[in-house]
C-alpha atoms as a PDB file:
ATOM      1  CA  MET A   1       0.000   0.000   0.000  1.00  0.00           C
ATOM      2  CA  GLU A   2       1.339   3.401  -0.997  1.00  0.00           C
ATOM      3  CA  THR A   3       1.393   6.125   1.663  1.00  0.00           C
ATOM      4  CA  ARG A   4      -0.522   9.187   0.581  1.00  0.00           C
ATOM      5  CA  MET A   5       1.509  12.181   1.721  1.00  0.00           C
ATOM      6  CA  ASP A   6      -0.740  14.850   0.225  1.00  0.00           C
ATOM      7  CA  GLN A   7      -2.860  17.015   2.526  1.00  0.00           C
ATOM      8  CA  GLN A   8      -6.125  16.125   0.754  1.00  0.00           C
ATOM      9  CA  VAL A   9      -6.271  12.686   2.360  1.00  0.00           C
ATOM     10  CA  LYS A  10      -8.438  12.513   5.497  1.00  0.00           C
ATOM     11  CA  ARG A  11      -6.599  10.826   8.374  1.00  0.00           C
ATOM     12  CA  CYS A  12      -7.214  10.355  12.062  1.00  0.00           C
ATOM     13  CA  PRO A  13      -6.307  13.722  13.660  1.00  0.00           C
ATOM     14  CA  TRP A  14      -3.791  12.236  16.142  1.00  0.00           C
ATOM     15  CA  VAL A  15      -1.385  11.593  13.261  1.00  0.00           C
ATOM     16  CA  GLY A  16      -0.326  15.203  12.729  1.00  0.00           C
ATOM     17  CA  GLU A  17       2.332  15.984  10.119  1.00  0.00           C
ATOM     18  CA  ASN A  18       5.224  13.840  11.330  1.00  0.00           C
ATOM     19  CA  PRO A  19       6.177  11.608   8.343  1.00  0.00           C
ATOM     20  CA  LEU A  20       6.913   8.627  10.640  1.00  0.00           C
ATOM     21  CA  MET A  21       3.463   8.941  12.225  1.00  0.00           C
ATOM     22  CA  ILE A  22       1.832   9.227   8.792  1.00  0.00           C
ATOM     23  CA  ILE A  23       3.550   6.074   7.522  1.00  0.00           C
ATOM     24  CA  TYR A  24       2.722   4.205  10.735  1.00  0.00           C
ATOM     25  CA  HIS A  25      -0.938   5.262  10.549  1.00  0.00           C
ATOM     26  CA  ASP A  26      -1.267   4.524   6.839  1.00  0.00           C
ATOM     27  CA  LYS A  27       0.473   1.143   6.816  1.00  0.00           C
ATOM     28  CA  GLU A  28       0.325  -0.437  10.277  1.00  0.00           C
ATOM     29  CA  TRP A  29      -2.037   1.004  12.874  1.00  0.00           C
ATOM     30  CA  GLY A  30      -5.192  -1.043  13.137  1.00  0.00           C
ATOM     31  CA  VAL A  31      -4.128  -3.714  10.635  1.00  0.00           C
ATOM     32  CA  PRO A  32      -4.816  -7.154  12.194  1.00  0.00           C
ATOM     33  CA  VAL A  33      -1.540  -8.802  13.263  1.00  0.00           C
ATOM     34  CA  HIS A  34      -1.283 -12.567  13.730  1.00  0.00           C
ATOM     35  CA  ASP A  35       2.505 -12.992  13.752  1.00  0.00           C
ATOM     36  CA  ASP A  36       3.716 -13.795  17.280  1.00  0.00           C
ATOM     37  CA  ARG A  37       7.012 -11.921  16.985  1.00  0.00           C
ATOM     38  CA  LYS A  38       5.211  -8.821  15.721  1.00  0.00           C
ATOM     39  CA  LEU A  39       2.635  -9.090  18.512  1.00  0.00           C
ATOM     40  CA  PHE A  40       5.493  -9.259  21.029  1.00  0.00           C
ATOM     41  CA  GLU A  41       7.081  -6.168  19.477  1.00  0.00           C
ATOM     42  CA  TYR A  42       3.829  -4.198  19.675  1.00  0.00           C
ATOM     43  CA  LEU A  43       3.241  -5.246  23.269  1.00  0.00           C
ATOM     44  CA  ILE A  44       6.764  -4.257  24.342  1.00  0.00           C
ATOM     45  CA  LEU A  45       6.717  -0.944  22.479  1.00  0.00           C
ATOM     46  CA  ASP A  46       3.383  -0.086  24.102  1.00  0.00           C
ATOM     47  CA  CYS A  47       4.903  -0.908  27.511  1.00  0.00           C
ATOM     48  CA  PHE A  48       7.781   1.468  26.777  1.00  0.00           C
ATOM     49  CA  GLN A  49       5.333   4.141  25.618  1.00  0.00           C
ATOM     50  CA  ALA A  50       3.801   4.468  29.099  1.00  0.00           C
ATOM     51  CA  GLY A  51       4.233   8.132  30.050  1.00  0.00           C
ATOM     52  CA  LEU A  52       5.728   9.045  26.658  1.00  0.00           C
ATOM     53  CA  SER A  53       4.409   9.978  23.222  1.00  0.00           C
ATOM     54  CA  TRP A  54       4.048   7.344  20.511  1.00  0.00           C
ATOM     55  CA  SER A  55       6.136   9.502  18.151  1.00  0.00           C
ATOM     56  CA  THR A  56       9.058   9.216  20.624  1.00  0.00           C
ATOM     57  CA  ILE A  57       8.796   5.417  20.512  1.00  0.00           C
ATOM     58  CA  LEU A  58       8.474   5.367  16.712  1.00  0.00           C
ATOM     59  CA  GLN A  59      11.626   7.466  16.342  1.00  0.00           C
ATOM     60  CA  LYS A  60      13.521   4.901  18.419  1.00  0.00           C
ATOM     61  CA  ARG A  61      11.837   1.796  16.967  1.00  0.00           C
ATOM     62  CA  ILE A  62      14.771   0.698  14.806  1.00  0.00           C
ATOM     63  CA  ASN A  63      17.061   1.079  17.817  1.00  0.00           C
ATOM     64  CA  PHE A  64      14.647  -0.957  19.948  1.00  0.00           C
ATOM     65  CA  ARG A  65      14.668  -3.738  17.347  1.00  0.00           C
ATOM     66  CA  ARG A  66      18.462  -3.798  17.317  1.00  0.00           C
ATOM     67  CA  ALA A  67      18.770  -3.602  21.098  1.00  0.00           C
ATOM     68  CA  PHE A  68      16.193  -6.334  21.766  1.00  0.00           C
ATOM     69  CA  ASP A  69      17.333  -8.888  19.162  1.00  0.00           C
ATOM     70  CA  ASN A  70      14.543  -7.958  16.730  1.00  0.00           C
ATOM     71  CA  PHE A  71      12.032  -8.689  19.519  1.00  0.00           C
ATOM     72  CA  ASP A  72      12.753 -12.392  19.553  1.00  0.00           C
ATOM     73  CA  PRO A  73      11.095 -13.383  22.852  1.00  0.00           C
ATOM     74  CA  SER A  74      13.208 -16.528  23.242  1.00  0.00           C
ATOM     75  CA  LYS A  75      16.396 -14.415  23.163  1.00  0.00           C
ATOM     76  CA  VAL A  76      15.018 -11.589  25.323  1.00  0.00           C
ATOM     77  CA  ALA A  77      13.825 -14.098  27.942  1.00  0.00           C
ATOM     78  CA  ARG A  78      17.446 -15.190  28.467  1.00  0.00           C
ATOM     79  CA  TYR A  79      18.782 -11.682  29.144  1.00  0.00           C
ATOM     80  CA  LYS A  80      20.810 -11.375  32.332  1.00  0.00           C
ATOM     81  CA  GLU A  81      22.716  -8.560  34.061  1.00  0.00           C
ATOM     82  CA  PRO A  82      25.178  -7.920  31.166  1.00  0.00           C
ATOM     83  CA  GLU A  83      22.298  -7.348  28.725  1.00  0.00           C
ATOM     84  CA  ILE A  84      20.481  -5.121  31.215  1.00  0.00           C
ATOM     85  CA  LYS A  85      23.651  -3.010  31.632  1.00  0.00           C
ATOM     86  CA  ARG A  86      24.058  -2.843  27.849  1.00  0.00           C
ATOM     87  CA  LEU A  87      20.444  -1.686  27.429  1.00  0.00           C
ATOM     88  CA  LEU A  88      20.712   0.913  30.203  1.00  0.00           C
ATOM     89  CA  ALA A  89      23.760   2.367  28.427  1.00  0.00           C
ATOM     90  CA  ASP A  90      22.064   2.473  24.988  1.00  0.00           C
ATOM     91  CA  PRO A  91      21.095   6.083  24.138  1.00  0.00           C
ATOM     92  CA  GLY A  92      19.032   4.872  21.165  1.00  0.00           C
ATOM     93  CA  ILE A  93      16.257   3.440  23.348  1.00  0.00           C
ATOM     94  CA  VAL A  94      14.259   4.510  26.399  1.00  0.00           C
ATOM     95  CA  ARG A  95      16.651   3.684  29.249  1.00  0.00           C
ATOM     96  CA  ASN A  96      14.205   2.869  31.996  1.00  0.00           C
ATOM     97  CA  HIS A  97      15.313   0.037  34.288  1.00  0.00           C
ATOM     98  CA  SER A  98      11.757  -0.937  35.254  1.00  0.00           C
ATOM     99  CA  LYS A  99      10.627  -1.157  31.629  1.00  0.00           C
ATOM    100  CA  ILE A 100      13.727  -3.080  30.557  1.00  0.00           C
ATOM    101  CA  PHE A 101      13.274  -5.540  33.407  1.00  0.00           C
ATOM    102  CA  ALA A 102       9.541  -5.814  32.540  1.00  0.00           C
ATOM    103  CA  THR A 103      10.476  -6.648  28.947  1.00  0.00           C
ATOM    104  CA  ILE A 104      12.575  -9.611  30.094  1.00  0.00           C
ATOM    105  CA  VAL A 105       9.863 -10.832  32.460  1.00  0.00           C
ATOM    106  CA  ASN A 106       7.194 -10.354  29.790  1.00  0.00           C
ATOM    107  CA  ALA A 107       9.268 -12.324  27.265  1.00  0.00           C
ATOM    108  CA  LYS A 108       9.360 -15.268  29.680  1.00  0.00           C
ATOM    109  CA  LYS A 109       5.613 -15.037  30.288  1.00  0.00           C
ATOM    110  CA  PHE A 110       4.988 -14.664  26.544  1.00  0.00           C
ATOM    111  CA  LEU A 111       6.781 -17.975  25.979  1.00  0.00           C
ATOM    112  CA  GLU A 112       4.723 -19.617  28.725  1.00  0.00           C
ATOM    113  CA  ILE A 113       1.534 -18.540  26.953  1.00  0.00           C
ATOM    114  CA  LYS A 114       2.894 -19.934  23.680  1.00  0.00           C
ATOM    115  CA  ARG A 115       3.509 -23.274  25.364  1.00  0.00           C
ATOM    116  CA  GLU A 116      -0.049 -23.304  26.718  1.00  0.00           C
ATOM    117  CA  PHE A 117      -1.905 -22.019  23.638  1.00  0.00           C
ATOM    118  CA  VAL A 118       0.570 -23.031  20.866  1.00  0.00           C
ATOM    119  CA  THR A 119       0.634 -19.406  19.693  1.00  0.00           C
ATOM    120  CA  PHE A 120       0.371 -16.081  21.505  1.00  0.00           C
ATOM    121  CA  ASP A 121      -1.869 -15.034  18.622  1.00  0.00           C
ATOM    122  CA  LYS A 122      -4.516 -17.601  19.567  1.00  0.00           C
ATOM    123  CA  TYR A 123      -4.460 -16.456  23.197  1.00  0.00           C
ATOM    124  CA  ILE A 124      -4.488 -12.684  22.652  1.00  0.00           C
ATOM    125  CA  TRP A 125      -7.105 -12.646  19.890  1.00  0.00           C
ATOM    126  CA  GLY A 126      -9.462 -14.446  22.267  1.00  0.00           C
ATOM    127  CA  PHE A 127      -9.989 -11.106  24.020  1.00  0.00           C
ATOM    128  CA  ALA A 128     -11.483  -9.722  20.801  1.00  0.00           C
ATOM    129  CA  GLY A 129     -13.560 -12.807  20.084  1.00  0.00           C
ATOM    130  CA  GLY A 130     -11.127 -13.973  17.395  1.00  0.00           C
ATOM    131  CA  ARG A 131     -11.741 -11.090  14.995  1.00  0.00           C
ATOM    132  CA  PRO A 132     -11.368  -7.303  14.963  1.00  0.00           C
ATOM    133  CA  ILE A 133     -13.842  -5.243  16.936  1.00  0.00           C
ATOM    134  CA  ILE A 134     -15.067  -2.537  14.557  1.00  0.00           C
ATOM    135  CA  HIS A 135     -15.923   0.809  16.147  1.00  0.00           C
ATOM    136  CA  GLU A 136     -17.638   3.716  14.442  1.00  0.00           C
ATOM    137  CA  PHE A 137     -16.101   6.707  16.154  1.00  0.00           C
ATOM    138  CA  LYS A 138     -16.547  10.097  14.496  1.00  0.00           C
ATOM    139  CA  THR A 139     -14.310  12.075  16.860  1.00  0.00           C
ATOM    140  CA  LEU A 140     -11.325  11.356  19.086  1.00  0.00           C
ATOM    141  CA  ASP A 141     -13.469  12.327  22.096  1.00  0.00           C
ATOM    142  CA  GLN A 142     -15.558   9.203  21.514  1.00  0.00           C
ATOM    143  CA  MET A 143     -12.528   6.914  21.620  1.00  0.00           C
ATOM    144  CA  PRO A 144     -12.007   5.309  25.031  1.00  0.00           C
ATOM    145  CA  ALA A 145      -8.651   4.914  26.771  1.00  0.00           C
ATOM    146  CA  LYS A 146      -9.691   1.393  27.780  1.00  0.00           C
ATOM    147  CA  THR A 147     -12.611  -1.005  27.377  1.00  0.00           C
ATOM    148  CA  GLY A 148     -14.051  -4.082  29.000  1.00  0.00           C
ATOM    149  CA  GLU A 149     -11.961  -6.198  26.645  1.00  0.00           C
ATOM    150  CA  SER A 150      -8.742  -4.390  27.543  1.00  0.00           C
ATOM    151  CA  ASP A 151      -9.652  -4.663  31.254  1.00  0.00           C
ATOM    152  CA  LYS A 152      -9.974  -8.453  30.870  1.00  0.00           C
ATOM    153  CA  MET A 153      -6.748  -8.682  28.855  1.00  0.00           C
ATOM    154  CA  SER A 154      -4.864  -6.620  31.425  1.00  0.00           C
ATOM    155  CA  ALA A 155      -6.194  -8.636  34.357  1.00  0.00           C
ATOM    156  CA  ASP A 156      -5.333 -11.954  32.719  1.00  0.00           C
ATOM    157  CA  LEU A 157      -1.849 -10.855  31.643  1.00  0.00           C
ATOM    158  CA  GLN A 158      -1.138  -9.567  35.160  1.00  0.00           C
ATOM    159  CA  LYS A 159      -2.435 -12.812  36.681  1.00  0.00           C
ATOM    160  CA  ARG A 160       0.067 -14.619  34.437  1.00  0.00           C
ATOM    161  CA  GLY A 161       2.932 -12.445  35.718  1.00  0.00           C
ATOM    162  CA  PHE A 162       3.216  -9.740  33.025  1.00  0.00           C
ATOM    163  CA  THR A 163       4.074  -6.204  34.126  1.00  0.00           C
ATOM    164  CA  PHE A 164       3.443  -2.793  32.521  1.00  0.00           C
ATOM    165  CA  VAL A 165       0.209  -4.154  31.073  1.00  0.00           C
ATOM    166  CA  GLY A 166      -2.475  -1.923  32.554  1.00  0.00           C
ATOM    167  CA  SER A 167      -5.768  -1.640  30.717  1.00  0.00           C
ATOM    168  CA  THR A 168      -4.767   1.572  28.895  1.00  0.00           C
ATOM    169  CA  ILE A 169      -1.552  -0.039  27.605  1.00  0.00           C
ATOM    170  CA  CYS A 170      -3.539  -3.121  26.578  1.00  0.00           C
ATOM    171  CA  TYR A 171      -6.034  -0.970  24.693  1.00  0.00           C
ATOM    172  CA  ALA A 172      -3.245   0.863  22.858  1.00  0.00           C
ATOM    173  CA  PHE A 173      -1.851  -2.573  21.956  1.00  0.00           C
ATOM    174  CA  MET A 174      -5.291  -3.697  20.726  1.00  0.00           C
ATOM    175  CA  GLN A 175      -5.510  -0.601  18.519  1.00  0.00           C
ATOM    176  CA  ALA A 176      -2.007  -1.033  17.108  1.00  0.00           C
ATOM    177  CA  ALA A 177      -2.323  -4.764  16.438  1.00  0.00           C
ATOM    178  CA  GLY A 178      -5.758  -4.459  14.845  1.00  0.00           C
ATOM    179  CA  LEU A 179      -7.766  -6.243  17.531  1.00  0.00           C
ATOM    180  CA  VAL A 180      -9.923  -3.132  17.241  1.00  0.00           C
ATOM    181  CA  ASN A 181     -10.415  -0.773  14.315  1.00  0.00           C
ATOM    182  CA  ASP A 182     -10.329   2.684  15.874  1.00  0.00           C
ATOM    183  CA  HIS A 183      -9.711   4.660  12.716  1.00  0.00           C
ATOM    184  CA  LEU A 184     -12.330   7.377  12.686  1.00  0.00           C
ATOM    185  CA  VAL A 185     -15.094   6.663  10.192  1.00  0.00           C
ATOM    186  CA  ASP A 186     -14.050   9.564   7.929  1.00  0.00           C
ATOM    187  CA  CYS A 187     -10.390   8.423   7.850  1.00  0.00           C
ATOM    188  CA  PHE A 188      -9.429   6.849   4.526  1.00  0.00           C
ATOM    189  CA  ARG A 189      -8.012   3.823   6.397  1.00  0.00           C
ATOM    190  CA  TYR A 190     -11.284   2.997   8.197  1.00  0.00           C
ATOM    191  CA  SER A 191     -12.826   1.055   5.311  1.00  0.00           C
ATOM    192  CA  GLU A 192      -9.470  -0.308   4.130  1.00  0.00           C
ATOM    193  CA  VAL A 193      -8.768  -1.863   7.526  1.00  0.00           C
ATOM    194  CA  SER A 194     -12.372  -3.037   7.986  1.00  0.00           C
END
């Protein structure tokens, strides 16, 4: 899909004019993801976003991929003190000890879910009933920060030992990974993603 950079295209207003945000919105946000590695990446990036803007995370995304072994959960789960020190010294990522430690813990828990459900995809999509939840929001004011589905996802992930997975983070993950279509109805991507 070609990104439409002209101003005539109607997009969700949160995108703004940042080219990285435009490309992300036009090619990724809200597109259903079923690849486990990609789902892990989205979950971890949303954990790192807590308290920060998404554009900050997008600008560092390539660095995050490099620093976290392309978000391979089996590699991240084996990180020990040397890797934590390396990550804390890496200016290309968000150097937050709690979030780095959470990433390692979450990788281990991610692998446990894969062992139980065969794929993380099968587990996580269960919170959306196995297919995208289509909303019909006309304004950003109508869009919630969390929903009943994200509350259930958050509670279950926390029960399984995940951290940095509050309901708001889970809802942002659901939006990014296409478990919900929250493009506004007048956005050109709304019907394309639906």
